[in-house]
Amino acid sequence: MVEAKQAEIVATDFALDDEVRILPTPGHTPRHYIVELSSRGQTGIMTGDLLHHPIQVVHPEWSPIFCAERVASRAQRIRCFDAWTDSNATLIAAHFGGPTAGRIVQTRAGRRFHLNDPDPAHA
């Protein structure tokens, strides 16, 4: 892509169009990004390496040993979780061991990752 001059290198948030954006979330790596998809009033977030396990919603300060910059990684999780809690954003977390699509909800006990119901009859 680079050789064919089809690549566009971006250093900040970037909107491909009205439905696809990439947003910088440095921490896991200095140039880590998440992908935000928006359509028909719904938002999906591909979290990449921002989120490795649902427990990080409860404890955003917990970073895996793989994070290059743990303080920045924690700050990005807190910033994103603040924005996504009780919103219509569905998180698609690549590293979870089971179902991955869900939302962050605020409970009396704190934030929790709530799996989306895969059965459309329950929607």
PDB file of N, CA and C in Angstrom:
ATOM      1  N   MET A   1       0.810  -1.185   0.000  1.00  0.00           N
ATOM      2  CA  MET A   1       0.000   0.000   0.000  1.00  0.00           C
ATOM      3  C   MET A   1       0.860   1.258   0.000  1.00  0.00           C
ATOM      4  N   VAL A   2       1.911   1.241   0.818  1.00  0.00           N
ATOM      5  CA  VAL A   2       2.784   2.415   0.879  1.00  0.00           C
ATOM      6  C   VAL A   2       3.485   2.620  -0.462  1.00  0.00           C
ATOM      7  N   GLU A   3       4.040   1.539  -0.998  1.00  0.00           N
ATOM      8  CA  GLU A   3       4.738   1.639  -2.284  1.00  0.00           C
ATOM      9  C   GLU A   3       3.804   2.101  -3.408  1.00  0.00           C
ATOM     10  N   ALA A   4       2.555   1.703  -3.341  1.00  0.00           N
ATOM     11  CA  ALA A   4       1.584   2.089  -4.370  1.00  0.00           C
ATOM     12  C   ALA A   4       0.971   3.464  -4.092  1.00  0.00           C
ATOM     13  N   LYS A   5       1.459   4.127  -3.032  1.00  0.00           N
ATOM     14  CA  LYS A   5       0.972   5.450  -2.632  1.00  0.00           C
ATOM     15  C   LYS A   5      -0.533   5.447  -2.337  1.00  0.00           C
ATOM     16  N   GLN A   6      -1.001   4.337  -1.743  1.00  0.00           N
ATOM     17  CA  GLN A   6      -2.400   4.200  -1.362  1.00  0.00           C
ATOM     18  C   GLN A   6      -2.591   4.342   0.153  1.00  0.00           C
ATOM     19  N   ALA A   7      -1.512   4.518   0.896  1.00  0.00           N
ATOM     20  CA  ALA A   7      -1.577   4.630   2.347  1.00  0.00           C
ATOM     21  C   ALA A   7      -1.629   6.095   2.755  1.00  0.00           C
ATOM     22  N   GLU A   8      -2.361   6.354   3.820  1.00  0.00           N
ATOM     23  CA  GLU A   8      -2.372   7.684   4.419  1.00  0.00           C
ATOM     24  C   GLU A   8      -1.992   7.510   5.879  1.00  0.00           C
ATOM     25  N   ILE A   9      -0.860   8.054   6.273  1.00  0.00           N
ATOM     26  CA  ILE A   9      -0.365   7.946   7.633  1.00  0.00           C
ATOM     27  C   ILE A   9      -1.003   9.063   8.456  1.00  0.00           C
ATOM     28  N   VAL A  10      -1.622   8.694   9.572  1.00  0.00           N
ATOM     29  CA  VAL A  10      -2.272   9.684  10.425  1.00  0.00           C
ATOM     30  C   VAL A  10      -1.651   9.634  11.815  1.00  0.00           C
ATOM     31  N   ALA A  11      -1.609  10.770  12.483  1.00  0.00           N
ATOM     32  CA  ALA A  11      -1.009  10.834  13.812  1.00  0.00           C
ATOM     33  C   ALA A  11      -2.025  11.246  14.873  1.00  0.00           C
ATOM     34  N   THR A  12      -3.261  11.398  14.495  1.00  0.00           N
ATOM     35  CA  THR A  12      -4.307  11.798  15.430  1.00  0.00           C
ATOM     36  C   THR A  12      -5.591  11.094  15.023  1.00  0.00           C
ATOM     37  N   ASP A  13      -6.720  11.530  15.595  1.00  0.00           N
ATOM     38  CA  ASP A  13      -7.960  10.871  15.172  1.00  0.00           C
ATOM     39  C   ASP A  13      -8.226  11.181  13.706  1.00  0.00           C
ATOM     40  N   PHE A  14      -8.882  10.249  13.048  1.00  0.00           N
ATOM     41  CA  PHE A  14      -9.068  10.355  11.611  1.00  0.00           C
ATOM     42  C   PHE A  14     -10.401   9.714  11.239  1.00  0.00           C
ATOM     43  N   ALA A  15     -11.195  10.442  10.465  1.00  0.00           N
ATOM     44  CA  ALA A  15     -12.467   9.909   9.995  1.00  0.00           C
ATOM     45  C   ALA A  15     -12.318   9.482   8.548  1.00  0.00           C
ATOM     46  N   LEU A  16     -12.517   8.207   8.302  1.00  0.00           N
ATOM     47  CA  LEU A  16     -12.500   7.704   6.938  1.00  0.00           C
ATOM     48  C   LEU A  16     -13.733   8.207   6.194  1.00  0.00           C
ATOM     49  N   ASP A  17     -14.864   8.241   6.908  1.00  0.00           N
ATOM     50  CA  ASP A  17     -16.124   8.782   6.385  1.00  0.00           C
ATOM     51  C   ASP A  17     -17.010   9.045   7.601  1.00  0.00           C
ATOM     52  N   ASP A  18     -18.309   9.226   7.422  1.00  0.00           N
ATOM     53  CA  ASP A  18     -19.214   9.498   8.539  1.00  0.00           C
ATOM     54  C   ASP A  18     -19.426   8.298   9.453  1.00  0.00           C
ATOM     55  N   GLU A  19     -18.998   7.123   9.033  1.00  0.00           N
ATOM     56  CA  GLU A  19     -19.259   5.917   9.809  1.00  0.00           C
ATOM     57  C   GLU A  19     -18.027   5.249  10.407  1.00  0.00           C
ATOM     58  N   VAL A  20     -16.842   5.585   9.935  1.00  0.00           N
ATOM     59  CA  VAL A  20     -15.624   4.912  10.399  1.00  0.00           C
ATOM     60  C   VAL A  20     -14.589   5.948  10.826  1.00  0.00           C
ATOM     61  N   ARG A  21     -14.165   5.829  12.101  1.00  0.00           N
ATOM     62  CA  ARG A  21     -13.110   6.706  12.633  1.00  0.00           C
ATOM     63  C   ARG A  21     -12.074   5.861  13.337  1.00  0.00           C
ATOM     64  N   ILE A  22     -10.842   6.344  13.314  1.00  0.00           N
ATOM     65  CA  ILE A  22      -9.815   5.749  14.169  1.00  0.00           C
ATOM     66  C   ILE A  22      -9.429   6.811  15.190  1.00  0.00           C
ATOM     67  N   LEU A  23      -9.232   6.352  16.413  1.00  0.00           N
ATOM     68  CA  LEU A  23      -8.951   7.263  17.517  1.00  0.00           C
ATOM     69  C   LEU A  23      -7.709   6.796  18.256  1.00  0.00           C
ATOM     70  N   PRO A  24      -6.770   7.704  18.512  1.00  0.00           N
ATOM     71  CA  PRO A  24      -5.547   7.290  19.210  1.00  0.00           C
ATOM     72  C   PRO A  24      -5.823   6.971  20.676  1.00  0.00           C
ATOM     73  N   THR A  25      -5.251   5.878  21.124  1.00  0.00           N
ATOM     74  CA  THR A  25      -5.319   5.470  22.530  1.00  0.00           C
ATOM     75  C   THR A  25      -3.941   4.941  22.937  1.00  0.00           C
ATOM     76  N   PRO A  26      -2.932   5.809  22.905  1.00  0.00           N
ATOM     77  CA  PRO A  26      -1.580   5.345  23.223  1.00  0.00           C
ATOM     78  C   PRO A  26      -1.482   4.826  24.649  1.00  0.00           C
ATOM     79  N   GLY A  27      -0.668   3.825  24.819  1.00  0.00           N
ATOM     80  CA  GLY A  27      -0.474   3.222  26.133  1.00  0.00           C
ATOM     81  C   GLY A  27       0.006   1.803  25.968  1.00  0.00           C
ATOM     82  N   HIS A  28      -0.836   0.964  25.390  1.00  0.00           N
ATOM     83  CA  HIS A  28      -0.382  -0.407  25.134  1.00  0.00           C
ATOM     84  C   HIS A  28       0.861  -0.341  24.249  1.00  0.00           C
ATOM     85  N   THR A  29       0.765   0.453  23.221  1.00  0.00           N
ATOM     86  CA  THR A  29       1.905   0.834  22.393  1.00  0.00           C
ATOM     87  C   THR A  29       1.783   2.336  22.164  1.00  0.00           C
ATOM     88  N   PRO A  30       2.875   3.011  21.844  1.00  0.00           N
ATOM     89  CA  PRO A  30       2.794   4.462  21.651  1.00  0.00           C
ATOM     90  C   PRO A  30       1.830   4.886  20.545  1.00  0.00           C
ATOM     91  N   ARG A  31       1.613   4.035  19.550  1.00  0.00           N
ATOM     92  CA  ARG A  31       0.746   4.403  18.432  1.00  0.00           C
ATOM     93  C   ARG A  31      -0.489   3.506  18.335  1.00  0.00           C
ATOM     94  N   HIS A  32      -1.033   3.138  19.465  1.00  0.00           N
ATOM     95  CA  HIS A  32      -2.233   2.293  19.478  1.00  0.00           C
ATOM     96  C   HIS A  32      -3.467   3.119  19.110  1.00  0.00           C
ATOM     97  N   TYR A  33      -4.362   2.504  18.348  1.00  0.00           N
ATOM     98  CA  TYR A  33      -5.620   3.140  17.954  1.00  0.00           C
ATOM     99  C   TYR A  33      -6.773   2.180  18.204  1.00  0.00           C
ATOM    100  N   ILE A  34      -7.964   2.742  18.396  1.00  0.00           N
ATOM    101  CA  ILE A  34      -9.194   1.968  18.390  1.00  0.00           C
ATOM    102  C   ILE A  34      -9.973   2.380  17.146  1.00  0.00           C
ATOM    103  N   VAL A  35     -10.922   1.549  16.747  1.00  0.00           N
ATOM    104  CA  VAL A  35     -11.755   1.842  15.587  1.00  0.00           C
ATOM    105  C   VAL A  35     -13.189   2.021  16.069  1.00  0.00           C
ATOM    106  N   GLU A  36     -13.801   3.139  15.673  1.00  0.00           N
ATOM    107  CA  GLU A  36     -15.184   3.429  16.030  1.00  0.00           C
ATOM    108  C   GLU A  36     -16.041   3.349  14.768  1.00  0.00           C
ATOM    109  N   LEU A  37     -17.085   2.537  14.829  1.00  0.00           N
ATOM    110  CA  LEU A  37     -18.015   2.374  13.717  1.00  0.00           C
ATOM    111  C   LEU A  37     -19.372   2.922  14.149  1.00  0.00           C
ATOM    112  N   SER A  38     -19.967   3.794  13.344  1.00  0.00           N
ATOM    113  CA  SER A  38     -21.270   4.368  13.674  1.00  0.00           C
ATOM    114  C   SER A  38     -22.199   4.236  12.487  1.00  0.00           C
ATOM    115  N   SER A  39     -23.418   3.756  12.764  1.00  0.00           N
ATOM    116  CA  SER A  39     -24.411   3.610  11.711  1.00  0.00           C
ATOM    117  C   SER A  39     -25.790   3.474  12.342  1.00  0.00           C
ATOM    118  N   ARG A  40     -26.754   4.157  11.782  1.00  0.00           N
ATOM    119  CA  ARG A  40     -28.154   4.045  12.207  1.00  0.00           C
ATOM    120  C   ARG A  40     -28.329   4.263  13.706  1.00  0.00           C
ATOM    121  N   GLY A  41     -27.601   5.221  14.253  1.00  0.00           N
ATOM    122  CA  GLY A  41     -27.730   5.539  15.669  1.00  0.00           C
ATOM    123  C   GLY A  41     -27.029   4.595  16.613  1.00  0.00           C
ATOM    124  N   GLN A  42     -26.287   3.645  16.087  1.00  0.00           N
ATOM    125  CA  GLN A  42     -25.558   2.683  16.910  1.00  0.00           C
ATOM    126  C   GLN A  42     -24.057   2.910  16.747  1.00  0.00           C
ATOM    127  N   THR A  43     -23.313   2.582  17.789  1.00  0.00           N
ATOM    128  CA  THR A  43     -21.861   2.732  17.758  1.00  0.00           C
ATOM    129  C   THR A  43     -21.212   1.432  18.186  1.00  0.00           C
ATOM    130  N   GLY A  44     -20.211   1.012  17.437  1.00  0.00           N
ATOM    131  CA  GLY A  44     -19.397  -0.146  17.792  1.00  0.00           C
ATOM    132  C   GLY A  44     -17.958   0.297  17.935  1.00  0.00           C
ATOM    133  N   ILE A  45     -17.291  -0.199  18.939  1.00  0.00           N
ATOM    134  CA  ILE A  45     -15.896   0.157  19.203  1.00  0.00           C
ATOM    135  C   ILE A  45     -15.059  -1.114  19.170  1.00  0.00           C
ATOM    136  N   MET A  46     -14.104  -1.191  18.257  1.00  0.00           N
ATOM    137  CA  MET A  46     -13.129  -2.275  18.267  1.00  0.00           C
ATOM    138  C   MET A  46     -11.984  -1.802  19.159  1.00  0.00           C
ATOM    139  N   THR A  47     -11.879  -2.414  20.332  1.00  0.00           N
ATOM    140  CA  THR A  47     -10.986  -1.900  21.370  1.00  0.00           C
ATOM    141  C   THR A  47      -9.523  -2.271  21.187  1.00  0.00           C
ATOM    142  N   GLY A  48      -9.239  -3.218  20.326  1.00  0.00           N
ATOM    143  CA  GLY A  48      -7.835  -3.598  20.134  1.00  0.00           C
ATOM    144  C   GLY A  48      -7.195  -3.982  21.452  1.00  0.00           C
ATOM    145  N   ASP A  49      -6.015  -3.429  21.736  1.00  0.00           N
ATOM    146  CA  ASP A  49      -5.279  -3.749  22.951  1.00  0.00           C
ATOM    147  C   ASP A  49      -5.566  -2.796  24.109  1.00  0.00           C
ATOM    148  N   LEU A  50      -6.594  -1.966  23.967  1.00  0.00           N
ATOM    149  CA  LEU A  50      -6.999  -1.102  25.077  1.00  0.00           C
ATOM    150  C   LEU A  50      -7.578  -1.930  26.221  1.00  0.00           C
ATOM    151  N   LEU A  51      -8.229  -3.032  25.861  1.00  0.00           N
ATOM    152  CA  LEU A  51      -8.958  -3.838  26.824  1.00  0.00           C
ATOM    153  C   LEU A  51      -8.648  -5.314  26.577  1.00  0.00           C
ATOM    154  N   HIS A  52      -8.065  -5.970  27.578  1.00  0.00           N
ATOM    155  CA  HIS A  52      -7.676  -7.370  27.432  1.00  0.00           C
ATOM    156  C   HIS A  52      -8.596  -8.344  28.167  1.00  0.00           C
ATOM    157  N   HIS A  53      -9.316  -7.847  29.180  1.00  0.00           N
ATOM    158  CA  HIS A  53     -10.151  -8.718  29.996  1.00  0.00           C
ATOM    159  C   HIS A  53     -11.268  -7.872  30.616  1.00  0.00           C
ATOM    160  N   PRO A  54     -12.466  -8.440  30.790  1.00  0.00           N
ATOM    161  CA  PRO A  54     -13.565  -7.670  31.377  1.00  0.00           C
ATOM    162  C   PRO A  54     -13.254  -7.092  32.761  1.00  0.00           C
ATOM    163  N   ILE A  55     -12.345  -7.708  33.505  1.00  0.00           N
ATOM    164  CA  ILE A  55     -12.015  -7.196  34.843  1.00  0.00           C
ATOM    165  C   ILE A  55     -11.411  -5.795  34.769  1.00  0.00           C
ATOM    166  N   GLN A  56     -10.846  -5.431  33.622  1.00  0.00           N
ATOM    167  CA  GLN A  56     -10.269  -4.095  33.486  1.00  0.00           C
ATOM    168  C   GLN A  56     -11.339  -3.006  33.488  1.00  0.00           C
ATOM    169  N   VAL A  57     -12.592  -3.353  33.225  1.00  0.00           N
ATOM    170  CA  VAL A  57     -13.674  -2.374  33.357  1.00  0.00           C
ATOM    171  C   VAL A  57     -13.843  -2.023  34.831  1.00  0.00           C
ATOM    172  N   VAL A  58     -13.724  -3.008  35.698  1.00  0.00           N
ATOM    173  CA  VAL A  58     -13.812  -2.803  37.137  1.00  0.00           C
ATOM    174  C   VAL A  58     -12.527  -2.167  37.665  1.00  0.00           C
ATOM    175  N   HIS A  59     -11.397  -2.610  37.133  1.00  0.00           N
ATOM    176  CA  HIS A  59     -10.071  -2.127  37.570  1.00  0.00           C
ATOM    177  C   HIS A  59      -9.280  -1.614  36.366  1.00  0.00           C
ATOM    178  N   PRO A  60      -9.584  -0.418  35.874  1.00  0.00           N
ATOM    179  CA  PRO A  60      -8.871   0.092  34.700  1.00  0.00           C
ATOM    180  C   PRO A  60      -7.381   0.329  34.954  1.00  0.00           C
ATOM    181  N   GLU A  61      -7.004   0.351  36.210  1.00  0.00           N
ATOM    182  CA  GLU A  61      -5.590   0.546  36.544  1.00  0.00           C
ATOM    183  C   GLU A  61      -4.759  -0.713  36.299  1.00  0.00           C
ATOM    184  N   TRP A  62      -5.395  -1.838  36.103  1.00  0.00           N
ATOM    185  CA  TRP A  62      -4.689  -3.090  35.858  1.00  0.00           C
ATOM    186  C   TRP A  62      -4.297  -3.172  34.391  1.00  0.00           C
ATOM    187  N   SER A  63      -3.007  -3.268  34.147  1.00  0.00           N
ATOM    188  CA  SER A  63      -2.481  -3.395  32.789  1.00  0.00           C
ATOM    189  C   SER A  63      -1.716  -4.699  32.659  1.00  0.00           C
ATOM    190  N   PRO A  64      -1.840  -5.353  31.511  1.00  0.00           N
ATOM    191  CA  PRO A  64      -1.039  -6.562  31.314  1.00  0.00           C
ATOM    192  C   PRO A  64       0.438  -6.194  31.166  1.00  0.00           C
ATOM    193  N   ILE A  65       1.284  -7.166  31.374  1.00  0.00           N
ATOM    194  CA  ILE A  65       2.720  -6.906  31.284  1.00  0.00           C
ATOM    195  C   ILE A  65       3.134  -6.467  29.884  1.00  0.00           C
ATOM    196  N   PHE A  66       2.267  -6.667  28.910  1.00  0.00           N
ATOM    197  CA  PHE A  66       2.584  -6.325  27.527  1.00  0.00           C
ATOM    198  C   PHE A  66       2.449  -4.832  27.231  1.00  0.00           C
ATOM    199  N   CYS A  67       1.838  -4.065  28.128  1.00  0.00           N
ATOM    200  CA  CYS A  67       1.648  -2.628  27.876  1.00  0.00           C
ATOM    201  C   CYS A  67       2.986  -1.897  27.978  1.00  0.00           C
ATOM    202  N   ALA A  68       3.315  -1.177  26.933  1.00  0.00           N
ATOM    203  CA  ALA A  68       4.575  -0.434  26.899  1.00  0.00           C
ATOM    204  C   ALA A  68       4.573   0.728  27.882  1.00  0.00           C
ATOM    205  N   GLU A  69       3.428   1.375  28.023  1.00  0.00           N
ATOM    206  CA  GLU A  69       3.310   2.557  28.887  1.00  0.00           C
ATOM    207  C   GLU A  69       2.079   2.383  29.774  1.00  0.00           C
ATOM    208  N   ARG A  70       2.272   1.760  30.911  1.00  0.00           N
ATOM    209  CA  ARG A  70       1.144   1.393  31.773  1.00  0.00           C
ATOM    210  C   ARG A  70       0.360   2.588  32.287  1.00  0.00           C
ATOM    211  N   VAL A  71       1.025   3.679  32.620  1.00  0.00           N
ATOM    212  CA  VAL A  71       0.312   4.870  33.115  1.00  0.00           C
ATOM    213  C   VAL A  71      -0.576   5.440  32.010  1.00  0.00           C
ATOM    214  N   ALA A  72      -0.056   5.528  30.810  1.00  0.00           N
ATOM    215  CA  ALA A  72      -0.842   6.029  29.681  1.00  0.00           C
ATOM    216  C   ALA A  72      -1.974   5.068  29.340  1.00  0.00           C
ATOM    217  N   SER A  73      -1.710   3.777  29.404  1.00  0.00           N
ATOM    218  CA  SER A  73      -2.725   2.765  29.122  1.00  0.00           C
ATOM    219  C   SER A  73      -3.891   2.902  30.099  1.00  0.00           C
ATOM    220  N   ARG A  74      -3.579   3.050  31.363  1.00  0.00           N
ATOM    221  CA  ARG A  74      -4.612   3.244  32.393  1.00  0.00           C
ATOM    222  C   ARG A  74      -5.402   4.510  32.121  1.00  0.00           C
ATOM    223  N   ALA A  75      -4.726   5.600  31.820  1.00  0.00           N
ATOM    224  CA  ALA A  75      -5.399   6.876  31.554  1.00  0.00           C
ATOM    225  C   ALA A  75      -6.339   6.769  30.355  1.00  0.00           C
ATOM    226  N   GLN A  76      -5.918   6.045  29.317  1.00  0.00           N
ATOM    227  CA  GLN A  76      -6.772   5.874  28.135  1.00  0.00           C
ATOM    228  C   GLN A  76      -8.012   5.053  28.477  1.00  0.00           C
ATOM    229  N   ARG A  77      -7.845   3.981  29.263  1.00  0.00           N
ATOM    230  CA  ARG A  77      -8.996   3.176  29.647  1.00  0.00           C
ATOM    231  C   ARG A  77      -9.996   4.011  30.445  1.00  0.00           C
ATOM    232  N   ILE A  78      -9.511   4.770  31.403  1.00  0.00           N
ATOM    233  CA  ILE A  78     -10.412   5.587  32.219  1.00  0.00           C
ATOM    234  C   ILE A  78     -11.129   6.610  31.347  1.00  0.00           C
ATOM    235  N   ARG A  79     -10.416   7.282  30.464  1.00  0.00           N
ATOM    236  CA  ARG A  79     -11.021   8.284  29.581  1.00  0.00           C
ATOM    237  C   ARG A  79     -12.103   7.640  28.710  1.00  0.00           C
ATOM    238  N   CYS A  80     -11.784   6.516  28.108  1.00  0.00           N
ATOM    239  CA  CYS A  80     -12.750   5.837  27.238  1.00  0.00           C
ATOM    240  C   CYS A  80     -13.924   5.289  28.037  1.00  0.00           C
ATOM    241  N   PHE A  81     -13.668   4.656  29.173  1.00  0.00           N
ATOM    242  CA  PHE A  81     -14.751   4.092  29.974  1.00  0.00           C
ATOM    243  C   PHE A  81     -15.697   5.185  30.452  1.00  0.00           C
ATOM    244  N   ASP A  82     -15.154   6.358  30.804  1.00  0.00           N
ATOM    245  CA  ASP A  82     -16.006   7.485  31.195  1.00  0.00           C
ATOM    246  C   ASP A  82     -16.963   7.847  30.060  1.00  0.00           C
ATOM    247  N   ALA A  83     -16.452   7.843  28.838  1.00  0.00           N
ATOM    248  CA  ALA A  83     -17.278   8.202  27.677  1.00  0.00           C
ATOM    249  C   ALA A  83     -18.268   7.097  27.318  1.00  0.00           C
ATOM    250  N   TRP A  84     -17.909   5.857  27.512  1.00  0.00           N
ATOM    251  CA  TRP A  84     -18.729   4.738  27.046  1.00  0.00           C
ATOM    252  C   TRP A  84     -19.729   4.215  28.072  1.00  0.00           C
ATOM    253  N   THR A  85     -19.541   4.530  29.343  1.00  0.00           N
ATOM    254  CA  THR A  85     -20.428   4.000  30.377  1.00  0.00           C
ATOM    255  C   THR A  85     -21.860   4.472  30.163  1.00  0.00           C
ATOM    256  N   ASP A  86     -22.784   3.523  30.168  1.00  0.00           N
ATOM    257  CA  ASP A  86     -24.209   3.781  29.989  1.00  0.00           C
ATOM    258  C   ASP A  86     -24.522   4.511  28.683  1.00  0.00           C
ATOM    259  N   SER A  87     -23.706   4.274  27.665  1.00  0.00           N
ATOM    260  CA  SER A  87     -23.945   4.850  26.337  1.00  0.00           C
ATOM    261  C   SER A  87     -24.442   3.733  25.413  1.00  0.00           C
ATOM    262  N   ASN A  88     -24.652   4.081  24.159  1.00  0.00           N
ATOM    263  CA  ASN A  88     -25.072   3.046  23.207  1.00  0.00           C
ATOM    264  C   ASN A  88     -23.883   2.350  22.555  1.00  0.00           C
ATOM    265  N   ALA A  89     -22.672   2.593  23.056  1.00  0.00           N
ATOM    266  CA  ALA A  89     -21.472   2.009  22.460  1.00  0.00           C
ATOM    267  C   ALA A  89     -21.354   0.523  22.805  1.00  0.00           C
ATOM    268  N   THR A  90     -21.291  -0.302  21.770  1.00  0.00           N
ATOM    269  CA  THR A  90     -21.030  -1.723  21.938  1.00  0.00           C
ATOM    270  C   THR A  90     -19.541  -1.946  21.737  1.00  0.00           C
ATOM    271  N   LEU A  91     -18.896  -2.501  22.741  1.00  0.00           N
ATOM    272  CA  LEU A  91     -17.467  -2.782  22.660  1.00  0.00           C
ATOM    273  C   LEU A  91     -17.268  -4.159  22.060  1.00  0.00           C
ATOM    274  N   ILE A  92     -16.331  -4.235  21.154  1.00  0.00           N
ATOM    275  CA  ILE A  92     -15.955  -5.501  20.539  1.00  0.00           C
ATOM    276  C   ILE A  92     -14.498  -5.722  20.926  1.00  0.00           C
ATOM    277  N   ALA A  93     -14.317  -6.543  21.939  1.00  0.00           N
ATOM    278  CA  ALA A  93     -12.990  -6.734  22.534  1.00  0.00           C
ATOM    279  C   ALA A  93     -12.348  -7.989  21.962  1.00  0.00           C
ATOM    280  N   ALA A  94     -11.259  -7.819  21.285  1.00  0.00           N
ATOM    281  CA  ALA A  94     -10.614  -8.927  20.570  1.00  0.00           C
ATOM    282  C   ALA A  94      -9.995  -9.972  21.489  1.00  0.00           C
ATOM    283  N   HIS A  95      -9.638  -9.603  22.708  1.00  0.00           N
ATOM    284  CA  HIS A  95      -8.862 -10.512  23.553  1.00  0.00           C
ATOM    285  C   HIS A  95      -9.666 -11.314  24.561  1.00  0.00           C
ATOM    286  N   PHE A  96     -10.964 -11.079  24.657  1.00  0.00           N
ATOM    287  CA  PHE A  96     -11.759 -11.821  25.632  1.00  0.00           C
ATOM    288  C   PHE A  96     -11.835 -13.281  25.227  1.00  0.00           C
ATOM    289  N   GLY A  97     -11.906 -14.171  26.198  1.00  0.00           N
ATOM    290  CA  GLY A  97     -11.896 -15.589  25.924  1.00  0.00           C
ATOM    291  C   GLY A  97     -13.220 -16.158  25.469  1.00  0.00           C
ATOM    292  N   GLY A  98     -14.294 -15.440  25.625  1.00  0.00           N
ATOM    293  CA  GLY A  98     -15.610 -15.932  25.238  1.00  0.00           C
ATOM    294  C   GLY A  98     -16.310 -14.883  24.405  1.00  0.00           C
ATOM    295  N   PRO A  99     -17.603 -14.700  24.624  1.00  0.00           N
ATOM    296  CA  PRO A  99     -18.311 -13.643  23.896  1.00  0.00           C
ATOM    297  C   PRO A  99     -17.650 -12.292  24.149  1.00  0.00           C
ATOM    298  N   THR A 100     -17.609 -11.475  23.130  1.00  0.00           N
ATOM    299  CA  THR A 100     -16.845 -10.234  23.250  1.00  0.00           C
ATOM    300  C   THR A 100     -17.655  -8.963  23.118  1.00  0.00           C
ATOM    301  N   ALA A 101     -18.849  -9.010  22.569  1.00  0.00           N
ATOM    302  CA  ALA A 101     -19.623  -7.793  22.336  1.00  0.00           C
ATOM    303  C   ALA A 101     -20.444  -7.451  23.571  1.00  0.00           C
ATOM    304  N   GLY A 102     -20.253  -6.244  24.071  1.00  0.00           N
ATOM    305  CA  GLY A 102     -20.992  -5.825  25.253  1.00  0.00           C
ATOM    306  C   GLY A 102     -20.862  -4.338  25.495  1.00  0.00           C
ATOM    307  N   ARG A 103     -21.456  -3.912  26.586  1.00  0.00           N
ATOM    308  CA  ARG A 103     -21.475  -2.495  26.951  1.00  0.00           C
ATOM    309  C   ARG A 103     -20.962  -2.327  28.375  1.00  0.00           C
ATOM    310  N   ILE A 104     -20.518  -1.136  28.665  1.00  0.00           N
ATOM    311  CA  ILE A 104     -20.123  -0.810  30.037  1.00  0.00           C
ATOM    312  C   ILE A 104     -21.324  -0.153  30.711  1.00  0.00           C
ATOM    313  N   VAL A 105     -21.715  -0.709  31.846  1.00  0.00           N
ATOM    314  CA  VAL A 105     -22.848  -0.178  32.592  1.00  0.00           C
ATOM    315  C   VAL A 105     -22.391   0.184  34.011  1.00  0.00           C
ATOM    316  N   GLN A 106     -23.032   1.194  34.556  1.00  0.00           N
ATOM    317  CA  GLN A 106     -22.758   1.614  35.929  1.00  0.00           C
ATOM    318  C   GLN A 106     -23.744   0.907  36.844  1.00  0.00           C
ATOM    319  N   THR A 107     -23.245   0.234  37.854  1.00  0.00           N
ATOM    320  CA  THR A 107     -24.090  -0.410  38.849  1.00  0.00           C
ATOM    321  C   THR A 107     -23.783   0.203  40.206  1.00  0.00           C
ATOM    322  N   ARG A 108     -24.533  -0.172  41.213  1.00  0.00           N
ATOM    323  CA  ARG A 108     -24.236   0.337  42.566  1.00  0.00           C
ATOM    324  C   ARG A 108     -22.846  -0.096  43.015  1.00  0.00           C
ATOM    325  N   ALA A 109     -22.392  -1.239  42.501  1.00  0.00           N
ATOM    326  CA  ALA A 109     -21.075  -1.771  42.881  1.00  0.00           C
ATOM    327  C   ALA A 109     -19.946  -1.207  42.018  1.00  0.00           C
ATOM    328  N   GLY A 110     -20.260  -0.397  41.026  1.00  0.00           N
ATOM    329  CA  GLY A 110     -19.239   0.154  40.129  1.00  0.00           C
ATOM    330  C   GLY A 110     -19.518  -0.246  38.689  1.00  0.00           C
ATOM    331  N   ARG A 111     -18.578   0.036  37.825  1.00  0.00           N
ATOM    332  CA  ARG A 111     -18.729  -0.307  36.410  1.00  0.00           C
ATOM    333  C   ARG A 111     -18.596  -1.799  36.186  1.00  0.00           C
ATOM    334  N   ARG A 112     -19.377  -2.288  35.219  1.00  0.00           N
ATOM    335  CA  ARG A 112     -19.319  -3.691  34.846  1.00  0.00           C
ATOM    336  C   ARG A 112     -19.414  -3.808  33.338  1.00  0.00           C
ATOM    337  N   PHE A 113     -18.833  -4.886  32.797  1.00  0.00           N
ATOM    338  CA  PHE A 113     -18.982  -5.206  31.380  1.00  0.00           C
ATOM    339  C   PHE A 113     -20.189  -6.112  31.258  1.00  0.00           C
ATOM    340  N   HIS A 114     -21.176  -5.689  30.471  1.00  0.00           N
ATOM    341  CA  HIS A 114     -22.415  -6.443  30.312  1.00  0.00           C
ATOM    342  C   HIS A 114     -22.481  -6.955  28.882  1.00  0.00           C
ATOM    343  N   LEU A 115     -22.519  -8.280  28.720  1.00  0.00           N
ATOM    344  CA  LEU A 115     -22.588  -8.867  27.385  1.00  0.00           C
ATOM    345  C   LEU A 115     -23.895  -8.504  26.700  1.00  0.00           C
ATOM    346  N   ASN A 116     -23.819  -8.215  25.417  1.00  0.00           N
ATOM    347  CA  ASN A 116     -25.022  -8.019  24.623  1.00  0.00           C
ATOM    348  C   ASN A 116     -25.718  -9.345  24.451  1.00  0.00           C
ATOM    349  N   ASP A 117     -27.027  -9.349  24.462  1.00  0.00           N
ATOM    350  CA  ASP A 117     -27.798 -10.575  24.253  1.00  0.00           C
ATOM    351  C   ASP A 117     -27.726 -10.939  22.776  1.00  0.00           C
ATOM    352  N   PRO A 118     -27.167 -12.104  22.432  1.00  0.00           N
ATOM    353  CA  PRO A 118     -27.021 -12.471  21.027  1.00  0.00           C
ATOM    354  C   PRO A 118     -28.337 -12.849  20.358  1.00  0.00           C
ATOM    355  N   ASP A 119     -29.406 -13.030  21.124  1.00  0.00           N
ATOM    356  CA  ASP A 119     -30.688 -13.433  20.542  1.00  0.00           C
ATOM    357  C   ASP A 119     -31.516 -12.195  20.216  1.00  0.00           C
ATOM    358  N   PRO A 120     -31.713 -11.879  18.912  1.00  0.00           N
ATOM    359  CA  PRO A 120     -32.456 -10.670  18.545  1.00  0.00           C
ATOM    360  C   PRO A 120     -33.889 -10.667  19.057  1.00  0.00           C
ATOM    361  N   ALA A 121     -34.452 -11.836  19.387  1.00  0.00           N
ATOM    362  CA  ALA A 121     -35.806 -11.896  19.918  1.00  0.00           C
ATOM    363  C   ALA A 121     -35.899 -11.230  21.298  1.00  0.00           C
ATOM    364  N   HIS A 122     -34.751 -11.102  21.992  1.00  0.00           N
ATOM    365  CA  HIS A 122     -34.740 -10.473  23.317  1.00  0.00           C
ATOM    366  C   HIS A 122     -34.500  -8.982  23.251  1.00  0.00           C
ATOM    367  N   ALA A 123     -34.252  -8.445  22.071  1.00  0.00           N
ATOM    368  CA  ALA A 123     -33.929  -7.012  21.942  1.00  0.00           C
ATOM    369  C   ALA A 123     -35.158  -6.157  22.149  1.00  0.00           C
TER     370      ALA A 123
END
